[in-house]
Amino acid sequence: MAKDNEVVGPKLWMWRKKRTEPWHITGGYSQPDHKQTLCGRRNIDATDVVYDPRDIVPYKGMTDMKNYCKNCLNMMVYEAMSEQILFSQIKVPGGGTFGETVLTKYLKRKSPPIELNNPPALKDANSAKAGDVAGSPAPKKYKLMTKSQLEKKEREKSSRKPKTPRSKKPKSQRSKQQKIDKGDATTTTPEVVKVDKTKSAAQIIGPKRVLGNSSTDSQDQS
């Protein structure tokens, strides 16, 4: 089958005869009839069960290359990127991942351009009613966050020291500051008291008064 589109292509499937052996891959451009694995070393019966790689490969514990047939993975270079992306997190010998060694070659390639073919007619395209394929809405607050980003945010939030609220003094203990009447903002000249220098201080102040002496008060009033 000719590889006429490098972005999307025929679906790949996972197969193995025993649970103790690594997973093989079939389908795609190389084995569209599913009679053999991509490596060409194992035959598949029509009654054998094949599995969707979306339910097997991109999960924790499945990034080790020992879980898969190495020859099948090597043949993945002839498959479409839509299928290769599912295997992108598999670690390869010498460091790096399958996605870094295979997918990046397509994305960085300048020549020849990525092969594309004509789209199918709309009557032949996969379609569904929106309500039939709709899922539960994600919370708006975390809609654009991955699970690791959300966990990091929760850890940072829990590590912050709680703010201690300030103790409010009762109204009786609050210091009451007297309001100062600034008065008119315009400048006023102070009143000048003229002192007659010819008079002595006793004459200016007047006679001394003794407190509590009623006779003296009455004499002064007279």
Protein backbone atom coordinates (compact mmCIF):
# COMPACT_ATOMS: atom_id res chain seq x y z
CA MET A 1 0.00 0.00 0.00
CA ALA A 2 1.48 3.34 -1.04
CA LYS A 3 2.19 5.87 1.67
CA ASP A 4 0.33 8.77 0.08
CA ASN A 5 -0.17 10.76 3.29
CA GLU A 6 2.52 11.09 5.96
CA VAL A 7 0.32 12.81 8.53
CA VAL A 8 -2.71 10.49 8.70
CA GLY A 9 -2.91 6.89 7.55
CA PRO A 10 -4.36 3.44 8.23
CA LYS A 11 -4.75 2.49 11.86
CA LEU A 12 -2.20 0.34 13.67
CA TRP A 13 -3.10 -2.50 16.03
CA MET A 14 -1.28 -4.38 18.81
CA TRP A 15 -1.02 -8.17 18.90
CA ARG A 16 0.72 -10.90 20.89
CA LYS A 17 0.17 -14.65 21.23
CA LYS A 18 1.19 -14.95 24.89
CA ARG A 19 1.25 -12.52 27.75
CA THR A 20 4.91 -13.28 28.40
CA GLU A 21 6.08 -12.10 24.96
CA PRO A 22 6.48 -8.51 23.78
CA TRP A 23 3.80 -6.71 21.82
CA HIS A 24 3.88 -6.84 18.02
CA ILE A 25 2.34 -4.26 15.70
CA THR A 26 0.20 -4.86 12.64
CA GLY A 27 -1.97 -2.87 10.24
CA GLY A 28 -1.00 0.53 8.87
CA TYR A 29 0.54 0.95 5.43
CA SER A 30 2.77 -2.12 5.81
CA GLN A 31 0.19 -4.78 6.80
CA PRO A 32 -3.29 -3.52 5.91
CA ASP A 33 -4.71 -7.07 5.81
CA HIS A 34 -3.49 -7.81 9.39
CA LYS A 35 -2.16 -11.23 8.35
CA GLN A 36 1.35 -10.54 9.60
CA THR A 37 3.13 -8.30 12.07
CA LEU A 38 5.13 -5.31 10.82
CA CYS A 39 8.36 -7.23 11.35
CA GLY A 40 7.05 -10.02 9.05
CA ARG A 41 8.13 -12.76 11.48
CA ARG A 42 4.76 -13.69 12.98
CA ASN A 43 1.52 -14.71 11.31
CA ILE A 44 -1.84 -13.56 12.66
CA ASP A 45 -5.01 -15.61 12.34
CA ALA A 46 -8.28 -13.93 11.42
CA THR A 47 -9.73 -15.05 14.77
CA ASP A 48 -6.89 -13.56 16.83
CA VAL A 49 -7.68 -10.52 18.95
CA VAL A 50 -5.86 -7.26 18.17
CA TYR A 51 -5.86 -4.24 20.49
CA ASP A 52 -6.01 -0.51 20.00
CA PRO A 53 -2.58 0.99 20.84
CA ARG A 54 -4.36 3.96 22.44
CA ASP A 55 -5.35 1.62 25.27
CA ILE A 56 -1.91 0.04 25.69
CA VAL A 57 1.08 2.20 24.72
CA PRO A 58 0.81 5.79 26.03
CA TYR A 59 0.62 4.92 29.74
CA LYS A 60 2.87 4.59 32.78
CA GLY A 61 4.88 1.38 32.82
CA MET A 62 4.73 1.02 29.02
CA THR A 63 7.60 3.35 28.06
CA ASP A 64 10.24 0.58 28.24
CA MET A 65 11.28 -0.71 24.85
CA LYS A 66 11.40 -4.28 26.21
CA ASN A 67 7.60 -4.32 26.11
CA TYR A 68 7.61 -4.25 22.28
CA CYS A 69 9.10 -6.04 19.33
CA LYS A 70 12.12 -3.96 18.27
CA ASN A 71 11.77 -4.93 14.62
CA CYS A 72 8.13 -3.80 14.58
CA LEU A 73 9.16 -0.45 16.07
CA ASN A 74 11.85 -0.05 13.41
CA MET A 75 9.19 -0.53 10.71
CA MET A 76 7.17 2.31 12.27
CA VAL A 77 9.18 4.82 10.22
CA TYR A 78 6.99 3.88 7.24
CA GLU A 79 3.73 4.67 9.06
CA ALA A 80 1.80 7.92 9.40
CA MET A 81 2.59 10.45 12.12
CA SER A 82 -0.93 10.10 13.54
CA GLU A 83 0.00 6.53 14.53
CA GLN A 84 3.64 7.20 15.42
CA ILE A 85 2.66 9.78 18.03
CA LEU A 86 1.13 7.04 20.19
CA PHE A 87 4.60 5.45 20.54
CA SER A 88 6.48 8.73 21.05
CA GLN A 89 7.24 8.21 24.77
CA ILE A 90 8.95 4.81 24.35
CA LYS A 91 12.58 5.10 25.49
CA VAL A 92 15.18 4.03 22.95
CA PRO A 93 18.73 2.75 23.62
CA GLY A 94 21.34 5.50 23.94
CA GLY A 95 18.91 7.99 25.46
CA GLY A 96 15.97 9.88 24.07
CA THR A 97 12.57 8.67 22.98
CA PHE A 98 10.96 7.23 19.89
CA GLY A 99 9.29 10.57 19.21
CA GLU A 100 12.59 12.46 19.34
CA THR A 101 14.31 10.10 16.91
CA VAL A 102 11.46 9.57 14.44
CA LEU A 103 8.84 12.30 14.64
CA THR A 104 11.27 15.21 14.79
CA LYS A 105 12.75 14.13 11.46
CA TYR A 106 9.41 14.85 9.81
CA LEU A 107 8.94 18.17 11.56
CA LYS A 108 12.47 19.42 10.77
CA ARG A 109 12.58 18.10 7.22
CA LYS A 110 12.66 20.84 4.61
CA SER A 111 12.85 18.71 1.49
CA PRO A 112 10.92 16.91 0.21
CA PRO A 113 7.77 18.41 1.73
CA ILE A 114 5.49 16.22 3.81
CA GLU A 115 3.38 14.06 1.51
CA LEU A 116 -0.35 14.82 1.52
CA ASN A 117 -3.22 13.49 -0.58
CA ASN A 118 -6.68 14.81 -1.47
CA PRO A 119 -9.32 14.75 1.31
CA PRO A 120 -12.24 12.31 1.10
CA ALA A 121 -15.70 13.51 0.17
CA LEU A 122 -17.79 14.67 3.13
CA LYS A 123 -20.26 11.84 2.57
CA ASP A 124 -17.39 9.38 3.14
CA ALA A 125 -15.83 11.22 6.10
CA ASN A 126 -16.31 9.94 9.64
CA SER A 127 -19.06 11.93 11.32
CA ALA A 128 -21.28 11.84 14.39
CA LYS A 129 -23.86 13.89 16.22
CA ALA A 130 -22.29 16.28 18.70
CA GLY A 131 -24.44 15.01 21.55
CA ASP A 132 -23.42 11.40 20.91
CA VAL A 133 -19.69 12.12 21.20
CA ALA A 134 -19.87 14.81 23.91
CA GLY A 135 -18.22 14.22 27.27
CA SER A 136 -18.59 15.91 30.62
CA PRO A 137 -17.35 19.52 30.65
CA ALA A 138 -14.04 20.18 32.34
CA PRO A 139 -13.91 22.70 35.22
CA LYS A 140 -13.19 26.13 33.79
CA LYS A 141 -10.56 26.83 36.43
CA TYR A 142 -8.35 23.91 35.37
CA LYS A 143 -9.44 23.55 31.76
CA LEU A 144 -6.01 24.29 30.27
CA MET A 145 -3.93 22.52 32.93
CA THR A 146 -2.37 19.09 32.84
CA LYS A 147 -2.58 16.88 35.90
CA SER A 148 1.08 17.50 36.79
CA GLN A 149 0.60 21.27 36.52
CA LEU A 150 -2.46 21.08 38.76
CA GLU A 151 -0.60 18.98 41.37
CA LYS A 152 2.31 21.46 41.33
CA LYS A 153 -0.07 24.35 41.90
CA GLU A 154 -1.70 22.53 44.82
CA ARG A 155 1.72 21.81 46.39
CA GLU A 156 2.75 25.46 46.12
CA LYS A 157 -0.54 26.53 47.64
CA SER A 158 -0.18 24.13 50.60
CA SER A 159 3.46 25.15 51.24
CA ARG A 160 2.59 28.81 51.71
CA LYS A 161 2.56 30.04 55.29
CA PRO A 162 -0.93 30.96 56.44
CA LYS A 163 -1.42 34.63 57.08
CA THR A 164 -2.00 35.43 60.76
CA PRO A 165 -4.84 37.89 61.13
CA ARG A 166 -4.11 41.08 63.04
CA SER A 167 -5.64 41.25 66.49
CA LYS A 168 -8.10 44.09 66.66
CA LYS A 169 -8.00 46.22 69.79
CA PRO A 170 -11.29 46.98 71.48
CA LYS A 171 -12.70 50.41 70.89
CA SER A 172 -11.96 51.45 74.48
CA GLN A 173 -8.21 50.83 73.99
CA ARG A 174 -7.92 52.59 70.70
CA SER A 175 -6.08 55.87 70.98
CA LYS A 176 -8.33 58.72 70.13
CA GLN A 177 -6.49 61.48 68.42
CA GLN A 178 -7.97 64.90 68.69
CA LYS A 179 -8.90 66.34 65.40
CA ILE A 180 -7.02 69.49 64.64
CA ASP A 181 -9.07 72.17 62.99
CA LYS A 182 -6.77 73.60 60.43
CA GLY A 183 -9.24 76.35 59.73
CA ASP A 184 -9.11 78.39 56.63
CA ALA A 185 -6.34 77.48 54.27
CA THR A 186 -5.64 81.16 53.57
CA THR A 187 -2.78 82.77 55.51
CA THR A 188 -3.80 85.10 58.33
CA THR A 189 -1.62 87.69 60.06
CA PRO A 190 -1.32 87.28 63.83
CA GLU A 191 -2.76 90.03 66.07
CA VAL A 192 -0.08 92.38 67.44
CA VAL A 193 -0.56 93.69 70.96
CA LYS A 194 0.99 97.14 71.54
CA VAL A 195 2.68 97.60 74.91
CA ASP A 196 3.08 101.05 76.45
CA LYS A 197 6.74 101.19 77.45
CA THR A 198 6.20 104.22 79.75
CA LYS A 199 4.17 102.07 82.23
CA SER A 200 5.70 99.60 84.62
CA ALA A 201 4.78 95.93 84.73
CA ALA A 202 2.79 96.42 87.93
CA GLN A 203 0.75 99.13 86.31
CA ILE A 204 0.04 96.96 83.29
CA ILE A 205 -0.86 93.80 85.25
CA GLY A 206 -2.73 95.57 88.03
CA PRO A 207 -2.85 94.95 91.81
CA LYS A 208 -2.26 91.45 93.13
CA ARG A 209 -5.30 89.47 94.24
CA VAL A 210 -5.25 86.98 97.06
CA LEU A 211 -7.49 83.98 96.51
CA GLY A 212 -9.98 83.11 99.21
CA ASN A 213 -9.96 86.63 100.82
CA SER A 214 -13.51 87.88 100.45
CA SER A 215 -12.74 91.22 102.12
CA THR A 216 -10.07 92.00 99.60
CA ASP A 217 -12.40 91.02 96.76
CA SER A 218 -15.08 93.32 98.07
CA GLN A 219 -12.61 96.20 98.47
CA ASP A 220 -11.36 95.70 94.95
CA GLN A 221 -14.89 95.74 93.62
CA SER A 222 -15.60 98.99 95.46
